[in-house]
Amino acid sequence: MVLNITSRNIEITPDVRNFINEKIQKVLKNFKKPIDCNIIITKERSNIITEIIIHGDGKKLYFKKSANNLTASIEQAIHTADSSIKKVKSKQKEHKAKGIKKFLFGKI
């Protein structure tokens, strides 16, 4: 798995990189094979914008959040990514279970 952290108009310290890496690993554990994860942090006027792009399991997922604070922006984007990924995975499990029931028992 490749994790790319890019910053625009803002400097990212090693502590922030470690913070991002620690948080994003919890999100990526929901994937069987995450291929690539790009995190882009941009400062525009007084806002910090965090974009997360994840390629994995045949999907490309994109999340974007902005806040006044760097850590708040990162945490909001990662929280959104985590909740969305869990939602997608639960829908996949339901769909798979429904197909198995239909196969075993006929009409539902």
PDB file of N, CA and C in Angstrom:
ATOM      1  N   MET A   1       0.835  -1.171   0.000  1.00  0.00           N
ATOM      2  CA  MET A   1       0.000   0.000   0.000  1.00  0.00           C
ATOM      3  C   MET A   1       0.878   1.230   0.000  1.00  0.00           C
ATOM      4  N   VAL A   2       0.520   2.179  -0.846  1.00  0.00           N
ATOM      5  CA  VAL A   2       1.275   3.415  -0.964  1.00  0.00           C
ATOM      6  C   VAL A   2       0.442   4.551  -0.373  1.00  0.00           C
ATOM      7  N   LEU A   3       1.051   5.312   0.518  1.00  0.00           N
ATOM      8  CA  LEU A   3       0.409   6.470   1.130  1.00  0.00           C
ATOM      9  C   LEU A   3       1.174   7.707   0.707  1.00  0.00           C
ATOM     10  N   ASN A   4       0.518   8.576  -0.053  1.00  0.00           N
ATOM     11  CA  ASN A   4       1.129   9.828  -0.502  1.00  0.00           C
ATOM     12  C   ASN A   4       0.463  10.989   0.216  1.00  0.00           C
ATOM     13  N   ILE A   5       1.271  11.834   0.841  1.00  0.00           N
ATOM     14  CA  ILE A   5       0.757  13.026   1.511  1.00  0.00           C
ATOM     15  C   ILE A   5       1.342  14.230   0.789  1.00  0.00           C
ATOM     16  N   THR A   6       0.465  15.071   0.238  1.00  0.00           N
ATOM     17  CA  THR A   6       0.869  16.242  -0.515  1.00  0.00           C
ATOM     18  C   THR A   6       0.317  17.474   0.183  1.00  0.00           C
ATOM     19  N   SER A   7       1.140  18.525   0.255  1.00  0.00           N
ATOM     20  CA  SER A   7       0.665  19.771   0.860  1.00  0.00           C
ATOM     21  C   SER A   7       0.860  20.907  -0.132  1.00  0.00           C
ATOM     22  N   ARG A   8      -0.091  21.810  -0.129  1.00  0.00           N
ATOM     23  CA  ARG A   8      -0.048  22.989  -0.988  1.00  0.00           C
ATOM     24  C   ARG A   8      -0.234  24.224  -0.119  1.00  0.00           C
ATOM     25  N   ASN A   9       0.708  25.123  -0.175  1.00  0.00           N
ATOM     26  CA  ASN A   9       0.688  26.393   0.564  1.00  0.00           C
ATOM     27  C   ASN A   9       0.721  26.206   2.079  1.00  0.00           C
ATOM     28  N   ILE A  10       1.167  25.051   2.521  1.00  0.00           N
ATOM     29  CA  ILE A  10       1.286  24.791   3.951  1.00  0.00           C
ATOM     30  C   ILE A  10       2.381  23.750   4.150  1.00  0.00           C
ATOM     31  N   GLU A  11       3.099  23.870   5.254  1.00  0.00           N
ATOM     32  CA  GLU A  11       4.163  22.913   5.542  1.00  0.00           C
ATOM     33  C   GLU A  11       3.654  21.854   6.506  1.00  0.00           C
ATOM     34  N   ILE A  12       3.913  20.600   6.166  1.00  0.00           N
ATOM     35  CA  ILE A  12       3.485  19.475   6.990  1.00  0.00           C
ATOM     36  C   ILE A  12       4.692  18.966   7.771  1.00  0.00           C
ATOM     37  N   THR A  13       4.588  18.968   9.091  1.00  0.00           N
ATOM     38  CA  THR A  13       5.678  18.510   9.946  1.00  0.00           C
ATOM     39  C   THR A  13       5.653  16.985  10.059  1.00  0.00           C
ATOM     40  N   PRO A  14       6.758  16.391  10.480  1.00  0.00           N
ATOM     41  CA  PRO A  14       6.770  14.926  10.678  1.00  0.00           C
ATOM     42  C   PRO A  14       5.731  14.445  11.688  1.00  0.00           C
ATOM     43  N   ASP A  15       5.438  15.262  12.705  1.00  0.00           N
ATOM     44  CA  ASP A  15       4.406  14.886  13.678  1.00  0.00           C
ATOM     45  C   ASP A  15       3.035  14.782  13.020  1.00  0.00           C
ATOM     46  N   VAL A  16       2.721  15.717  12.126  1.00  0.00           N
ATOM     47  CA  VAL A  16       1.440  15.693  11.419  1.00  0.00           C
ATOM     48  C   VAL A  16       1.390  14.490  10.481  1.00  0.00           C
ATOM     49  N   ARG A  17       2.504  14.184   9.827  1.00  0.00           N
ATOM     50  CA  ARG A  17       2.568  13.005   8.944  1.00  0.00           C
ATOM     51  C   ARG A  17       2.307  11.724   9.735  1.00  0.00           C
ATOM     52  N   ASN A  18       2.895  11.616  10.922  1.00  0.00           N
ATOM     53  CA  ASN A  18       2.667  10.443  11.771  1.00  0.00           C
ATOM     54  C   ASN A  18       1.208  10.362  12.217  1.00  0.00           C
ATOM     55  N   PHE A  19       0.629  11.518  12.561  1.00  0.00           N
ATOM     56  CA  PHE A  19      -0.769  11.594  12.964  1.00  0.00           C
ATOM     57  C   PHE A  19      -1.677  11.097  11.827  1.00  0.00           C
ATOM     58  N   ILE A  20      -1.415  11.578  10.604  1.00  0.00           N
ATOM     59  CA  ILE A  20      -2.213  11.170   9.444  1.00  0.00           C
ATOM     60  C   ILE A  20      -2.057   9.674   9.199  1.00  0.00           C
ATOM     61  N   ASN A  21      -0.828   9.195   9.236  1.00  0.00           N
ATOM     62  CA  ASN A  21      -0.561   7.782   8.981  1.00  0.00           C
ATOM     63  C   ASN A  21      -1.276   6.893   9.995  1.00  0.00           C
ATOM     64  N   GLU A  22      -1.239   7.292  11.251  1.00  0.00           N
ATOM     65  CA  GLU A  22      -1.893   6.517  12.311  1.00  0.00           C
ATOM     66  C   GLU A  22      -3.406   6.466  12.106  1.00  0.00           C
ATOM     67  N   LYS A  23      -4.007   7.605  11.777  1.00  0.00           N
ATOM     68  CA  LYS A  23      -5.462   7.681  11.605  1.00  0.00           C
ATOM     69  C   LYS A  23      -5.919   6.942  10.344  1.00  0.00           C
ATOM     70  N   ILE A  24      -5.172   7.085   9.247  1.00  0.00           N
ATOM     71  CA  ILE A  24      -5.615   6.508   7.983  1.00  0.00           C
ATOM     72  C   ILE A  24      -5.476   4.991   7.991  1.00  0.00           C
ATOM     73  N   GLN A  25      -4.550   4.449   8.785  1.00  0.00           N
ATOM     74  CA  GLN A  25      -4.399   2.995   8.867  1.00  0.00           C
ATOM     75  C   GLN A  25      -5.659   2.342   9.429  1.00  0.00           C
ATOM     76  N   LYS A  26      -6.345   3.026  10.340  1.00  0.00           N
ATOM     77  CA  LYS A  26      -7.588   2.509  10.903  1.00  0.00           C
ATOM     78  C   LYS A  26      -8.688   2.450   9.838  1.00  0.00           C
ATOM     79  N   VAL A  27      -8.670   3.413   8.915  1.00  0.00           N
ATOM     80  CA  VAL A  27      -9.662   3.439   7.843  1.00  0.00           C
ATOM     81  C   VAL A  27      -9.361   2.350   6.816  1.00  0.00           C
ATOM     82  N   LEU A  28      -8.091   2.192   6.485  1.00  0.00           N
ATOM     83  CA  LEU A  28      -7.702   1.267   5.422  1.00  0.00           C
ATOM     84  C   LEU A  28      -7.801  -0.197   5.820  1.00  0.00           C
ATOM     85  N   LYS A  29      -7.981  -0.479   7.113  1.00  0.00           N
ATOM     86  CA  LYS A  29      -8.120  -1.873   7.530  1.00  0.00           C
ATOM     87  C   LYS A  29      -9.442  -2.470   7.033  1.00  0.00           C
ATOM     88  N   ASN A  30     -10.397  -1.630   6.603  1.00  0.00           N
ATOM     89  CA  ASN A  30     -11.671  -2.102   6.079  1.00  0.00           C
ATOM     90  C   ASN A  30     -11.545  -2.657   4.661  1.00  0.00           C
ATOM     91  N   PHE A  31     -10.427  -2.400   4.005  1.00  0.00           N
ATOM     92  CA  PHE A  31     -10.202  -2.880   2.642  1.00  0.00           C
ATOM     93  C   PHE A  31      -9.452  -4.199   2.677  1.00  0.00           C
ATOM     94  N   LYS A  32      -9.749  -5.060   1.717  1.00  0.00           N
ATOM     95  CA  LYS A  32      -8.981  -6.286   1.575  1.00  0.00           C
ATOM     96  C   LYS A  32      -7.598  -5.952   1.037  1.00  0.00           C
ATOM     97  N   LYS A  33      -7.567  -5.174  -0.051  1.00  0.00           N
ATOM     98  CA  LYS A  33      -6.304  -4.798  -0.686  1.00  0.00           C
ATOM     99  C   LYS A  33      -6.326  -3.326  -1.063  1.00  0.00           C
ATOM    100  N   PRO A  34      -6.018  -2.415  -0.143  1.00  0.00           N
ATOM    101  CA  PRO A  34      -5.906  -1.017  -0.560  1.00  0.00           C
ATOM    102  C   PRO A  34      -4.640  -0.850  -1.403  1.00  0.00           C
ATOM    103  N   ILE A  35      -4.788  -0.289  -2.573  1.00  0.00           N
ATOM    104  CA  ILE A  35      -3.669  -0.150  -3.484  1.00  0.00           C
ATOM    105  C   ILE A  35      -2.940   1.164  -3.251  1.00  0.00           C
ATOM    106  N   ASP A  36      -3.712   2.232  -3.152  1.00  0.00           N
ATOM    107  CA  ASP A  36      -3.121   3.559  -3.146  1.00  0.00           C
ATOM    108  C   ASP A  36      -4.000   4.500  -2.328  1.00  0.00           C
ATOM    109  N   CYS A  37      -3.374   5.370  -1.563  1.00  0.00           N
ATOM    110  CA  CYS A  37      -4.094   6.375  -0.794  1.00  0.00           C
ATOM    111  C   CYS A  37      -3.364   7.703  -0.930  1.00  0.00           C
ATOM    112  N   ASN A  38      -4.049   8.711  -1.455  1.00  0.00           N
ATOM    113  CA  ASN A  38      -3.475  10.042  -1.613  1.00  0.00           C
ATOM    114  C   ASN A  38      -4.208  11.005  -0.688  1.00  0.00           C
ATOM    115  N   ILE A  39      -3.434  11.772   0.051  1.00  0.00           N
ATOM    116  CA  ILE A  39      -4.000  12.788   0.930  1.00  0.00           C
ATOM    117  C   ILE A  39      -3.411  14.127   0.492  1.00  0.00           C
ATOM    118  N   ILE A  40      -4.286  15.059   0.147  1.00  0.00           N
ATOM    119  CA  ILE A  40      -3.861  16.378  -0.325  1.00  0.00           C
ATOM    120  C   ILE A  40      -4.393  17.411   0.658  1.00  0.00           C
ATOM    121  N   ILE A  41      -3.475  18.186   1.223  1.00  0.00           N
ATOM    122  CA  ILE A  41      -3.842  19.222   2.191  1.00  0.00           C
ATOM    123  C   ILE A  41      -3.508  20.571   1.563  1.00  0.00           C
ATOM    124  N   THR A  42      -4.508  21.438   1.463  1.00  0.00           N
ATOM    125  CA  THR A  42      -4.358  22.729   0.804  1.00  0.00           C
ATOM    126  C   THR A  42      -4.803  23.837   1.742  1.00  0.00           C
ATOM    127  N   LYS A  43      -4.044  24.908   1.770  1.00  0.00           N
ATOM    128  CA  LYS A  43      -4.452  26.084   2.545  1.00  0.00           C
ATOM    129  C   LYS A  43      -4.942  27.140   1.568  1.00  0.00           C
ATOM    130  N   GLU A  44      -6.191  27.566   1.755  1.00  0.00           N
ATOM    131  CA  GLU A  44      -6.790  28.625   0.953  1.00  0.00           C
ATOM    132  C   GLU A  44      -7.378  29.660   1.895  1.00  0.00           C
ATOM    133  N   ARG A  45      -6.872  30.838   1.823  1.00  0.00           N
ATOM    134  CA  ARG A  45      -7.270  31.928   2.717  1.00  0.00           C
ATOM    135  C   ARG A  45      -7.191  31.479   4.164  1.00  0.00           C
ATOM    136  N   SER A  46      -8.316  31.380   4.855  1.00  0.00           N
ATOM    137  CA  SER A  46      -8.271  30.974   6.266  1.00  0.00           C
ATOM    138  C   SER A  46      -8.687  29.516   6.465  1.00  0.00           C
ATOM    139  N   ASN A  47      -8.996  28.817   5.384  1.00  0.00           N
ATOM    140  CA  ASN A  47      -9.442  27.427   5.487  1.00  0.00           C
ATOM    141  C   ASN A  47      -8.334  26.456   5.102  1.00  0.00           C
ATOM    142  N   ILE A  48      -8.373  25.304   5.734  1.00  0.00           N
ATOM    143  CA  ILE A  48      -7.503  24.191   5.377  1.00  0.00           C
ATOM    144  C   ILE A  48      -8.406  23.115   4.775  1.00  0.00           C
ATOM    145  N   ILE A  49      -8.101  22.676   3.566  1.00  0.00           N
ATOM    146  CA  ILE A  49      -8.905  21.686   2.870  1.00  0.00           C
ATOM    147  C   ILE A  49      -8.121  20.382   2.814  1.00  0.00           C
ATOM    148  N   THR A  50      -8.760  19.301   3.247  1.00  0.00           N
ATOM    149  CA  THR A  50      -8.148  17.971   3.203  1.00  0.00           C
ATOM    150  C   THR A  50      -8.944  17.102   2.239  1.00  0.00           C
ATOM    151  N   GLU A  51      -8.231  16.536   1.264  1.00  0.00           N
ATOM    152  CA  GLU A  51      -8.832  15.635   0.293  1.00  0.00           C
ATOM    153  C   GLU A  51      -8.197  14.263   0.466  1.00  0.00           C
ATOM    154  N   ILE A  52      -9.015  13.228   0.459  1.00  0.00           N
ATOM    155  CA  ILE A  52      -8.529  11.854   0.573  1.00  0.00           C
ATOM    156  C   ILE A  52      -9.038  11.090  -0.643  1.00  0.00           C
ATOM    157  N   ILE A  53      -8.119  10.458  -1.364  1.00  0.00           N
ATOM    158  CA  ILE A  53      -8.460   9.645  -2.525  1.00  0.00           C
ATOM    159  C   ILE A  53      -7.917   8.246  -2.262  1.00  0.00           C
ATOM    160  N   ILE A  54      -8.805   7.259  -2.241  1.00  0.00           N
ATOM    161  CA  ILE A  54      -8.416   5.881  -1.943  1.00  0.00           C
ATOM    162  C   ILE A  54      -8.765   5.002  -3.137  1.00  0.00           C
ATOM    163  N   HIS A  55      -7.785   4.260  -3.604  1.00  0.00           N
ATOM    164  CA  HIS A  55      -7.981   3.259  -4.652  1.00  0.00           C
ATOM    165  C   HIS A  55      -7.839   1.896  -3.992  1.00  0.00           C
ATOM    166  N   GLY A  56      -8.874   1.073  -4.091  1.00  0.00           N
ATOM    167  CA  GLY A  56      -8.781  -0.255  -3.495  1.00  0.00           C
ATOM    168  C   GLY A  56     -10.039  -1.056  -3.709  1.00  0.00           C
ATOM    169  N   ASP A  57      -9.906  -2.367  -3.768  1.00  0.00           N
ATOM    170  CA  ASP A  57     -11.020  -3.292  -3.983  1.00  0.00           C
ATOM    171  C   ASP A  57     -11.820  -2.935  -5.242  1.00  0.00           C
ATOM    172  N   GLY A  58     -11.143  -2.433  -6.265  1.00  0.00           N
ATOM    173  CA  GLY A  58     -11.811  -2.087  -7.517  1.00  0.00           C
ATOM    174  C   GLY A  58     -12.611  -0.805  -7.461  1.00  0.00           C
ATOM    175  N   LYS A  59     -12.385   0.017  -6.468  1.00  0.00           N
ATOM    176  CA  LYS A  59     -13.130   1.263  -6.305  1.00  0.00           C
ATOM    177  C   LYS A  59     -12.183   2.445  -6.172  1.00  0.00           C
ATOM    178  N   LYS A  60     -12.688   3.622  -6.511  1.00  0.00           N
ATOM    179  CA  LYS A  60     -11.967   4.868  -6.279  1.00  0.00           C
ATOM    180  C   LYS A  60     -12.891   5.738  -5.431  1.00  0.00           C
ATOM    181  N   LEU A  61     -12.462   6.025  -4.211  1.00  0.00           N
ATOM    182  CA  LEU A  61     -13.271   6.810  -3.279  1.00  0.00           C
ATOM    183  C   LEU A  61     -12.617   8.156  -3.042  1.00  0.00           C
ATOM    184  N   TYR A  62     -13.434   9.214  -2.990  1.00  0.00           N
ATOM    185  CA  TYR A  62     -12.935  10.573  -2.848  1.00  0.00           C
ATOM    186  C   TYR A  62     -13.696  11.260  -1.719  1.00  0.00           C
ATOM    187  N   PHE A  63     -12.952  11.875  -0.808  1.00  0.00           N
ATOM    188  CA  PHE A  63     -13.541  12.587   0.320  1.00  0.00           C
ATOM    189  C   PHE A  63     -12.863  13.943   0.449  1.00  0.00           C
ATOM    190  N   LYS A  64     -13.644  14.970   0.797  1.00  0.00           N
ATOM    191  CA  LYS A  64     -13.094  16.327   0.911  1.00  0.00           C
ATOM    192  C   LYS A  64     -13.787  17.048   2.057  1.00  0.00           C
ATOM    193  N   LYS A  65     -12.983  17.634   2.934  1.00  0.00           N
ATOM    194  CA  LYS A  65     -13.506  18.415   4.056  1.00  0.00           C
ATOM    195  C   LYS A  65     -12.634  19.641   4.256  1.00  0.00           C
ATOM    196  N   SER A  66     -13.227  20.692   4.787  1.00  0.00           N
ATOM    197  CA  SER A  66     -12.454  21.895   5.098  1.00  0.00           C
ATOM    198  C   SER A  66     -12.802  22.384   6.494  1.00  0.00           C
ATOM    199  N   ALA A  67     -11.820  23.017   7.129  1.00  0.00           N
ATOM    200  CA  ALA A  67     -11.995  23.570   8.470  1.00  0.00           C
ATOM    201  C   ALA A  67     -10.957  24.675   8.668  1.00  0.00           C
ATOM    202  N   ASN A  68     -11.085  25.385   9.769  1.00  0.00           N
ATOM    203  CA  ASN A  68     -10.136  26.456  10.074  1.00  0.00           C
ATOM    204  C   ASN A  68      -8.833  25.930  10.647  1.00  0.00           C
ATOM    205  N   ASN A  69      -8.861  24.728  11.187  1.00  0.00           N
ATOM    206  CA  ASN A  69      -7.719  24.144  11.872  1.00  0.00           C
ATOM    207  C   ASN A  69      -7.210  22.942  11.080  1.00  0.00           C
ATOM    208  N   LEU A  70      -5.907  22.734  11.050  1.00  0.00           N
ATOM    209  CA  LEU A  70      -5.316  21.630  10.298  1.00  0.00           C
ATOM    210  C   LEU A  70      -5.775  20.272  10.833  1.00  0.00           C
ATOM    211  N   THR A  71      -5.652  20.052  12.123  1.00  0.00           N
ATOM    212  CA  THR A  71      -6.023  18.749  12.682  1.00  0.00           C
ATOM    213  C   THR A  71      -7.527  18.499  12.573  1.00  0.00           C
ATOM    214  N   ALA A  72      -8.324  19.542  12.716  1.00  0.00           N
ATOM    215  CA  ALA A  72      -9.774  19.384  12.589  1.00  0.00           C
ATOM    216  C   ALA A  72     -10.145  18.981  11.167  1.00  0.00           C
ATOM    217  N   SER A  73      -9.518  19.598  10.199  1.00  0.00           N
ATOM    218  CA  SER A  73      -9.779  19.264   8.805  1.00  0.00           C
ATOM    219  C   SER A  73      -9.406  17.817   8.501  1.00  0.00           C
ATOM    220  N   ILE A  74      -8.255  17.387   8.982  1.00  0.00           N
ATOM    221  CA  ILE A  74      -7.794  16.012   8.766  1.00  0.00           C
ATOM    222  C   ILE A  74      -8.729  15.024   9.447  1.00  0.00           C
ATOM    223  N   GLU A  75      -9.082  15.294  10.699  1.00  0.00           N
ATOM    224  CA  GLU A  75      -9.956  14.382  11.444  1.00  0.00           C
ATOM    225  C   GLU A  75     -11.339  14.284  10.808  1.00  0.00           C
ATOM    226  N   GLN A  76     -11.890  15.417  10.334  1.00  0.00           N
ATOM    227  CA  GLN A  76     -13.201  15.391   9.699  1.00  0.00           C
ATOM    228  C   GLN A  76     -13.177  14.570   8.418  1.00  0.00           C
ATOM    229  N   ALA A  77     -12.139  14.742   7.609  1.00  0.00           N
ATOM    230  CA  ALA A  77     -12.036  13.991   6.354  1.00  0.00           C
ATOM    231  C   ALA A  77     -11.881  12.499   6.621  1.00  0.00           C
ATOM    232  N   ILE A  78     -11.050  12.146   7.580  1.00  0.00           N
ATOM    233  CA  ILE A  78     -10.833  10.738   7.901  1.00  0.00           C
ATOM    234  C   ILE A  78     -12.095  10.117   8.506  1.00  0.00           C
ATOM    235  N   HIS A  79     -12.794  10.855   9.348  1.00  0.00           N
ATOM    236  CA  HIS A  79     -14.049  10.357   9.924  1.00  0.00           C
ATOM    237  C   HIS A  79     -15.091  10.125   8.829  1.00  0.00           C
ATOM    238  N   THR A  80     -15.203  11.056   7.893  1.00  0.00           N
ATOM    239  CA  THR A  80     -16.136  10.900   6.775  1.00  0.00           C
ATOM    240  C   THR A  80     -15.778   9.684   5.933  1.00  0.00           C
ATOM    241  N   ALA A  81     -14.486   9.522   5.660  1.00  0.00           N
ATOM    242  CA  ALA A  81     -14.024   8.377   4.878  1.00  0.00           C
ATOM    243  C   ALA A  81     -14.354   7.072   5.597  1.00  0.00           C
ATOM    244  N   ASP A  82     -14.089   7.017   6.881  1.00  0.00           N
ATOM    245  CA  ASP A  82     -14.327   5.805   7.660  1.00  0.00           C
ATOM    246  C   ASP A  82     -15.801   5.437   7.662  1.00  0.00           C
ATOM    247  N   SER A  83     -16.666   6.393   7.949  1.00  0.00           N
ATOM    248  CA  SER A  83     -18.100   6.096   8.017  1.00  0.00           C
ATOM    249  C   SER A  83     -18.652   5.718   6.642  1.00  0.00           C
ATOM    250  N   SER A  84     -18.189   6.373   5.588  1.00  0.00           N
ATOM    251  CA  SER A  84     -18.670   6.051   4.248  1.00  0.00           C
ATOM    252  C   SER A  84     -18.223   4.661   3.812  1.00  0.00           C
ATOM    253  N   ILE A  85     -16.985   4.309   4.110  1.00  0.00           N
ATOM    254  CA  ILE A  85     -16.467   2.995   3.740  1.00  0.00           C
ATOM    255  C   ILE A  85     -17.216   1.901   4.489  1.00  0.00           C
ATOM    256  N   LYS A  86     -17.481   2.109   5.771  1.00  0.00           N
ATOM    257  CA  LYS A  86     -18.237   1.121   6.541  1.00  0.00           C
ATOM    258  C   LYS A  86     -19.646   0.953   5.973  1.00  0.00           C
ATOM    259  N   LYS A  87     -20.260   2.050   5.540  1.00  0.00           N
ATOM    260  CA  LYS A  87     -21.593   2.002   4.963  1.00  0.00           C
ATOM    261  C   LYS A  87     -21.588   1.202   3.658  1.00  0.00           C
ATOM    262  N   VAL A  88     -20.604   1.444   2.804  1.00  0.00           N
ATOM    263  CA  VAL A  88     -20.497   0.718   1.536  1.00  0.00           C
ATOM    264  C   VAL A  88     -20.272  -0.765   1.791  1.00  0.00           C
ATOM    265  N   LYS A  89     -19.396  -1.089   2.721  1.00  0.00           N
ATOM    266  CA  LYS A  89     -19.098  -2.487   3.020  1.00  0.00           C
ATOM    267  C   LYS A  89     -20.318  -3.214   3.583  1.00  0.00           C
ATOM    268  N   SER A  90     -21.114  -2.545   4.431  1.00  0.00           N
ATOM    269  CA  SER A  90     -22.301  -3.197   4.985  1.00  0.00           C
ATOM    270  C   SER A  90     -23.340  -3.438   3.892  1.00  0.00           C
ATOM    271  N   LYS A  91     -23.467  -2.518   2.943  1.00  0.00           N
ATOM    272  CA  LYS A  91     -24.394  -2.719   1.831  1.00  0.00           C
ATOM    273  C   LYS A  91     -23.952  -3.893   0.971  1.00  0.00           C
ATOM    274  N   GLN A  92     -22.646  -4.035   0.763  1.00  0.00           N
ATOM    275  CA  GLN A  92     -22.140  -5.158  -0.015  1.00  0.00           C
ATOM    276  C   GLN A  92     -22.447  -6.480   0.681  1.00  0.00           C
ATOM    277  N   LYS A  93     -22.280  -6.522   1.994  1.00  0.00           N
ATOM    278  CA  LYS A  93     -22.560  -7.750   2.743  1.00  0.00           C
ATOM    279  C   LYS A  93     -24.038  -8.106   2.667  1.00  0.00           C
ATOM    280  N   GLU A  94     -24.931  -7.099   2.799  1.00  0.00           N
ATOM    281  CA  GLU A  94     -26.365  -7.343   2.711  1.00  0.00           C
ATOM    282  C   GLU A  94     -26.741  -7.878   1.336  1.00  0.00           C
ATOM    283  N   HIS A  95     -26.163  -7.286   0.304  1.00  0.00           N
ATOM    284  CA  HIS A  95     -26.459  -7.705  -1.058  1.00  0.00           C
ATOM    285  C   HIS A  95     -25.998  -9.142  -1.296  1.00  0.00           C
ATOM    286  N   LYS A  96     -24.836  -9.469  -0.780  1.00  0.00           N
ATOM    287  CA  LYS A  96     -24.292 -10.819  -0.929  1.00  0.00           C
ATOM    288  C   LYS A  96     -25.162 -11.825  -0.175  1.00  0.00           C
ATOM    289  N   ALA A  97     -25.575 -11.484   1.040  1.00  0.00           N
ATOM    290  CA  ALA A  97     -26.415 -12.379   1.841  1.00  0.00           C
ATOM    291  C   ALA A  97     -27.770 -12.595   1.173  1.00  0.00           C
ATOM    292  N   LYS A  98     -28.323 -11.557   0.585  1.00  0.00           N
ATOM    293  CA  LYS A  98     -29.611 -11.664  -0.094  1.00  0.00           C
ATOM    294  C   LYS A  98     -29.499 -12.600  -1.298  1.00  0.00           C
ATOM    295  N   GLY A  99     -28.388 -12.513  -2.026  1.00  0.00           N
ATOM    296  CA  GLY A  99     -28.168 -13.395  -3.171  1.00  0.00           C
ATOM    297  C   GLY A  99     -28.025 -14.844  -2.759  1.00  0.00           C
ATOM    298  N   ILE A 100     -27.350 -15.079  -1.645  1.00  0.00           N
ATOM    299  CA  ILE A 100     -27.173 -16.443  -1.145  1.00  0.00           C
ATOM    300  C   ILE A 100     -28.518 -17.018  -0.702  1.00  0.00           C
ATOM    301  N   LYS A 101     -29.329 -16.218  -0.005  1.00  0.00           N
ATOM    302  CA  LYS A 101     -30.656 -16.687   0.417  1.00  0.00           C
ATOM    303  C   LYS A 101     -31.527 -17.013  -0.782  1.00  0.00           C
ATOM    304  N   LYS A 102     -31.455 -16.158  -1.809  1.00  0.00           N
ATOM    305  CA  LYS A 102     -32.246 -16.390  -3.009  1.00  0.00           C
ATOM    306  C   LYS A 102     -31.812 -17.676  -3.692  1.00  0.00           C
ATOM    307  N   PHE A 103     -30.513 -17.922  -3.719  1.00  0.00           N
ATOM    308  CA  PHE A 103     -29.980 -19.137  -4.343  1.00  0.00           C
ATOM    309  C   PHE A 103     -30.409 -20.383  -3.559  1.00  0.00           C
ATOM    310  N   LEU A 104     -30.352 -20.309  -2.242  1.00  0.00           N
ATOM    311  CA  LEU A 104     -30.667 -21.470  -1.410  1.00  0.00           C
ATOM    312  C   LEU A 104     -32.162 -21.742  -1.295  1.00  0.00           C
ATOM    313  N   PHE A 105     -32.961 -20.691  -1.140  1.00  0.00           N
ATOM    314  CA  PHE A 105     -34.367 -20.856  -0.827  1.00  0.00           C
ATOM    315  C   PHE A 105     -35.310 -20.474  -1.977  1.00  0.00           C
ATOM    316  N   GLY A 106     -34.763 -20.074  -3.094  1.00  0.00           N
ATOM    317  CA  GLY A 106     -35.619 -19.667  -4.220  1.00  0.00           C
ATOM    318  C   GLY A 106     -36.075 -18.232  -4.060  1.00  0.00           C
ATOM    319  N   LYS A 107     -37.365 -17.987  -4.310  1.00  0.00           N
ATOM    320  CA  LYS A 107     -37.910 -16.620  -4.220  1.00  0.00           C
ATOM    321  C   LYS A 107     -37.890 -16.110  -2.792  1.00  0.00           C
ATOM    322  N   ILE A 108     -37.657 -14.836  -2.649  1.00  0.00           N
ATOM    323  CA  ILE A 108     -37.677 -14.225  -1.306  1.00  0.00           C
ATOM    324  C   ILE A 108     -38.904 -13.368  -1.185  1.00  0.00           C
TER     325      ILE A 108
END
